[in-house]
Amino acid sequence: MSEKPKLLLNENIGLKIYHEILNRGYDVKSIMIEMRGASDEEVLRLAKRENRIIITMDKDFGYSTTAYNPPGILLLRLRNPNISNRLNTILRVLEEYKNGLYGFITMASEFITRRRPLTIEKT
């Protein structure tokens, strides 16, 4: 049985979801608690320093990956970003991929998940 990934929730994910994920036994931190108002760069540095998967709805994180090389990103692209949809999508992806989130940017909607490696191999 593999360990659960360490998570870092961006401010746009919310505290209710933080508490739900924490209660399910995950090692999770919330930017709202740890460093509210932090820049994307600060969030990326924290994730890299602590080997945490960033969970966000901010697609700008996808553009920053080459400069900061974070451990992994789960980008929620929801049609209806209510708390229930955010939580259900996060839990579905965590269950499906477990530690397979490391090294990837994972884009998830309510029903579909796509992934691509964070690093581009040089030819």
Protein backbone atom coordinates (compact mmCIF):
# COMPACT_ATOMS: atom_id res chain seq x y z
CA MET A 1 0.00 0.00 0.00
CA SER A 2 1.48 3.35 -1.04
CA GLU A 3 1.60 6.45 1.09
CA LYS A 4 -0.79 9.28 0.41
CA PRO A 5 0.67 12.27 -1.42
CA LYS A 6 1.44 15.45 0.51
CA LEU A 7 -0.88 18.24 -0.62
CA LEU A 8 -0.88 22.03 -0.78
CA LEU A 9 -4.24 23.70 -1.39
CA ASN A 10 -4.18 27.04 -3.15
CA GLU A 11 -6.39 29.78 -1.68
CA ASN A 12 -9.13 29.21 -4.27
CA ILE A 13 -9.79 25.67 -2.99
CA GLY A 14 -11.15 26.82 0.37
CA LEU A 15 -11.01 25.90 4.03
CA LYS A 16 -13.99 23.51 4.07
CA ILE A 17 -12.21 21.29 1.57
CA TYR A 18 -8.97 21.61 3.57
CA HIS A 19 -10.74 20.29 6.69
CA GLU A 20 -12.43 17.45 4.76
CA ILE A 21 -9.13 16.30 3.25
CA LEU A 22 -7.31 16.66 6.57
CA ASN A 23 -10.00 14.53 8.27
CA ARG A 24 -9.37 11.81 5.67
CA GLY A 25 -5.79 11.43 6.85
CA TYR A 26 -3.88 13.44 4.26
CA ASP A 27 -0.83 15.56 5.05
CA VAL A 28 -2.32 18.78 3.72
CA LYS A 29 -1.55 22.47 4.03
CA SER A 30 -3.69 25.40 2.94
CA ILE A 31 -2.26 28.64 1.59
CA MET A 32 -5.21 30.40 3.27
CA ILE A 33 -3.83 29.28 6.64
CA GLU A 34 -0.09 29.12 6.00
CA MET A 35 0.58 32.23 3.89
CA ARG A 36 -2.56 34.01 2.76
CA GLY A 37 -1.97 36.35 -0.16
CA ALA A 38 1.22 34.58 -1.25
CA SER A 39 2.33 34.98 -4.85
CA ASP A 40 2.23 32.01 -7.21
CA GLU A 41 6.03 31.89 -7.02
CA GLU A 42 5.93 31.63 -3.21
CA VAL A 43 3.36 28.82 -3.44
CA LEU A 44 5.50 26.99 -5.99
CA ARG A 45 8.61 27.35 -3.82
CA LEU A 46 6.78 26.00 -0.74
CA ALA A 47 5.44 23.04 -2.74
CA LYS A 48 8.90 22.21 -4.03
CA ARG A 49 10.59 22.65 -0.63
CA GLU A 50 8.07 20.33 1.08
CA ASN A 51 7.41 17.96 -1.86
CA ARG A 52 3.69 18.80 -2.02
CA ILE A 53 1.21 18.46 -4.87
CA ILE A 54 -0.43 21.84 -5.53
CA ILE A 55 -4.20 21.69 -5.88
CA THR A 56 -5.63 24.78 -7.56
CA MET A 57 -8.21 26.18 -9.94
CA ASP A 58 -5.71 28.80 -11.17
CA LYS A 59 -4.56 27.83 -14.66
CA ASP A 60 -1.58 30.21 -14.36
CA PHE A 61 0.17 27.47 -12.38
CA GLY A 62 0.41 25.45 -15.56
CA TYR A 63 2.44 28.22 -17.16
CA SER A 64 4.88 28.44 -14.23
CA THR A 65 5.89 24.80 -14.16
CA THR A 66 8.97 25.04 -16.36
CA ALA A 67 10.56 27.77 -14.25
CA TYR A 68 9.88 26.19 -10.84
CA ASN A 69 9.50 22.46 -11.53
CA PRO A 70 7.04 21.72 -8.68
CA PRO A 71 6.48 18.13 -7.51
CA GLY A 72 3.04 18.04 -9.17
CA ILE A 73 -0.08 20.07 -9.86
CA LEU A 74 -3.74 19.09 -9.78
CA LEU A 75 -5.60 21.73 -11.78
CA LEU A 76 -9.38 21.69 -11.35
CA ARG A 77 -11.29 22.77 -14.47
CA LEU A 78 -14.87 22.46 -13.24
CA ARG A 79 -18.04 23.64 -14.94
CA ASN A 80 -19.60 24.10 -11.52
CA PRO A 81 -16.89 24.85 -8.93
CA ASN A 82 -19.14 24.54 -5.89
CA ILE A 83 -17.66 22.97 -2.75
CA SER A 84 -19.20 19.56 -3.40
CA ASN A 85 -17.81 19.36 -6.96
CA ARG A 86 -14.36 20.54 -5.85
CA LEU A 87 -14.21 17.99 -3.03
CA ASN A 88 -15.60 15.07 -5.06
CA THR A 89 -13.23 15.75 -7.96
CA ILE A 90 -10.18 16.04 -5.69
CA LEU A 91 -11.06 12.84 -3.83
CA ARG A 92 -11.70 10.96 -7.09
CA VAL A 93 -8.33 11.97 -8.51
CA LEU A 94 -6.50 11.24 -5.25
CA GLU A 95 -8.03 7.76 -5.15
CA GLU A 96 -7.38 7.08 -8.83
CA TYR A 97 -3.77 8.25 -8.97
CA LYS A 98 -2.54 8.04 -5.36
CA ASN A 99 1.19 8.92 -5.54
CA GLY A 100 1.02 8.96 -9.35
CA LEU A 101 0.37 12.70 -9.14
CA TYR A 102 4.05 13.41 -8.59
CA GLY A 103 5.82 14.58 -11.75
CA PHE A 104 2.61 15.47 -13.59
CA ILE A 105 0.23 18.32 -14.19
CA THR A 106 -3.15 16.65 -13.81
CA MET A 107 -6.20 18.47 -15.17
CA ALA A 108 -9.53 17.27 -13.84
CA SER A 109 -13.13 18.16 -14.58
CA GLU A 110 -16.12 16.58 -12.91
CA PHE A 111 -15.78 13.48 -15.10
CA ILE A 112 -12.53 13.56 -17.09
CA THR A 113 -8.91 13.55 -15.99
CA ARG A 114 -5.94 14.27 -18.24
CA ARG A 115 -2.26 14.28 -17.32
CA ARG A 116 1.01 15.32 -18.84
CA PRO A 117 4.55 15.13 -17.47
CA LEU A 118 5.85 18.31 -15.88
CA THR A 119 9.28 17.91 -17.45
CA ILE A 120 9.80 17.89 -21.18
CA GLU A 121 12.41 15.46 -22.38
CA LYS A 122 15.08 17.04 -24.54
CA THR A 123 15.85 15.36 -27.84
